């Protein structure tokens, strides 16, 4: 399900801690985003309409919880970037970061281990 970058910020709050009332989401974002309370409530309502979150009544307020799993969203975003920018191939993505000096030695070591594991699995 497509969610905007702003909606993803709200989702991160809910993925980290749930369920939360709207005022709790506002409080969690007070140091991160320069958004007014109505903006955050609008984002919550958009996410609710998209089915990314659910709202359960708790007295006079609603508690929001994610329906969309973070892992599913990350997988979707990753595949979208790979498809759009690198023709669905991982190697050009890694080469892109390598050429720009964005891979640390720890990243390179982790990639080597991953490739060795993939080779051991017969992929």
Protein backbone atom coordinates (compact mmCIF):
# COMPACT_ATOMS: atom_id res chain seq x y z
CA UNK A 1 0.00 0.00 0.00
CA UNK A 2 1.47 3.35 -0.97
CA UNK A 3 2.13 5.72 1.90
CA UNK A 4 3.79 9.11 1.63
CA UNK A 5 7.05 10.06 3.29
CA UNK A 6 5.13 12.10 5.88
CA UNK A 7 2.79 9.21 6.59
CA UNK A 8 5.83 6.94 6.99
CA UNK A 9 7.11 9.19 9.78
CA UNK A 10 3.84 8.69 11.65
CA UNK A 11 3.96 4.95 10.94
CA UNK A 12 7.47 4.75 12.44
CA UNK A 13 6.07 6.12 15.69
CA UNK A 14 3.33 3.47 15.71
CA UNK A 15 5.69 0.67 14.69
CA UNK A 16 7.90 1.59 17.65
CA UNK A 17 5.08 1.84 20.19
CA UNK A 18 1.44 0.85 19.97
CA UNK A 19 -1.35 1.45 20.53
CA UNK A 20 -1.17 5.22 20.88
CA UNK A 21 -3.76 7.96 21.10
CA UNK A 22 -3.46 10.83 18.62
CA UNK A 23 -2.09 13.12 21.35
CA UNK A 24 0.60 10.52 22.13
CA UNK A 25 1.64 10.44 18.47
CA UNK A 26 1.77 14.25 18.50
CA UNK A 27 3.96 14.16 21.63
CA UNK A 28 6.34 11.57 20.12
CA UNK A 29 6.76 13.69 16.99
CA UNK A 30 7.22 17.00 18.81
CA UNK A 31 11.01 16.73 18.68
CA UNK A 32 11.24 15.10 15.25
CA UNK A 33 8.86 16.93 12.94
CA UNK A 34 7.85 20.55 12.77
CA UNK A 35 4.16 19.70 12.34
CA UNK A 36 1.16 21.14 14.12
CA UNK A 37 -1.26 18.82 15.86
CA UNK A 38 -3.90 19.11 13.09
CA UNK A 39 -1.33 17.99 10.52
CA UNK A 40 -0.49 14.85 12.48
CA UNK A 41 -4.18 14.08 12.99
CA UNK A 42 -4.74 14.51 9.25
CA UNK A 43 -1.91 12.06 8.55
CA UNK A 44 -3.44 9.58 11.01
CA UNK A 45 -6.81 9.90 9.27
CA UNK A 46 -5.21 9.34 5.86
CA UNK A 47 -3.48 6.23 7.16
CA UNK A 48 -6.77 5.05 8.65
CA UNK A 49 -8.58 5.51 5.31
CA UNK A 50 -5.80 3.62 3.50
CA UNK A 51 -6.08 0.75 5.96
CA UNK A 52 -2.49 1.16 7.16
CA UNK A 53 -3.64 1.73 10.74
CA UNK A 54 -6.71 0.90 12.77
CA UNK A 55 -8.38 2.94 15.49
CA UNK A 56 -9.94 1.25 18.50
CA UNK A 57 -12.22 3.20 20.79
CA UNK A 58 -10.88 3.70 24.31
CA UNK A 59 -13.43 5.74 26.22
CA UNK A 60 -13.64 9.16 24.55
CA UNK A 61 -10.53 8.70 22.43
CA UNK A 62 -9.16 6.32 19.83
CA UNK A 63 -5.99 4.27 20.08
CA UNK A 64 -4.11 3.81 16.82
CA UNK A 65 -2.20 0.66 15.88
CA UNK A 66 -0.46 -0.27 12.64
CA UNK A 67 -2.11 -2.79 10.35
CA UNK A 68 0.65 -2.51 7.76
CA UNK A 69 3.72 -4.37 9.01
CA UNK A 70 6.99 -2.45 8.81
CA UNK A 71 8.68 -5.42 7.14
CA UNK A 72 6.06 -5.47 4.37
CA UNK A 73 6.43 -1.72 3.83
CA UNK A 74 10.25 -1.93 3.72
CA UNK A 75 10.08 -4.81 1.23
CA UNK A 76 7.71 -2.85 -0.98
CA UNK A 77 9.83 0.30 -0.84
CA UNK A 78 13.03 -1.64 -1.53
CA UNK A 79 11.56 -3.41 -4.54
CA UNK A 80 10.19 -0.14 -5.86
CA UNK A 81 13.60 1.57 -5.66
CA UNK A 82 15.34 -1.40 -7.24
CA UNK A 83 12.82 -1.57 -10.08
CA UNK A 84 12.72 2.17 -10.76
CA UNK A 85 16.41 2.96 -10.53
CA UNK A 86 18.31 -0.27 -11.16
CA UNK A 87 16.11 -2.44 -13.34
CA UNK A 88 15.33 -4.73 -10.41
CA UNK A 89 18.99 -5.73 -9.99
CA UNK A 90 20.90 -5.50 -6.72
CA UNK A 91 24.45 -5.45 -8.15
CA UNK A 92 24.06 -2.00 -9.82
CA UNK A 93 22.68 -0.65 -6.53
CA UNK A 94 25.74 -1.86 -4.62
CA UNK A 95 28.03 -0.54 -7.38
CA UNK A 96 26.32 2.84 -7.16
CA UNK A 97 27.09 3.15 -3.45
CA UNK A 98 30.56 1.77 -3.90
CA UNK A 99 31.43 4.32 -6.59
CA UNK A 100 30.36 7.14 -4.31
CA UNK A 101 32.38 5.91 -1.34
CA UNK A 102 29.25 5.16 0.66
CA UNK A 103 30.29 1.63 1.65
CA UNK A 104 32.29 1.34 4.84
CA UNK A 105 34.65 -1.54 5.46
CA UNK A 106 32.01 -3.01 7.78
CA UNK A 107 29.47 -2.83 4.92
CA UNK A 108 31.90 -4.57 2.56
CA UNK A 109 32.62 -7.28 5.12
CA UNK A 110 28.88 -7.82 5.68
CA UNK A 111 28.31 -8.06 1.92
CA UNK A 112 31.11 -10.64 1.62
CA UNK A 113 29.56 -12.73 4.39
CA UNK A 114 26.17 -12.51 2.76
CA UNK A 115 27.55 -13.61 -0.61
CA UNK A 116 29.38 -16.51 1.02
CA UNK A 117 26.16 -17.58 2.76
CA UNK A 118 24.27 -17.37 -0.53
CA UNK A 119 26.97 -19.45 -2.23
CA UNK A 120 26.81 -22.03 0.59
CA UNK A 121 23.05 -22.28 0.15
CA UNK A 122 23.52 -23.05 -3.53
CA UNK A 123 21.71 -19.99 -4.84
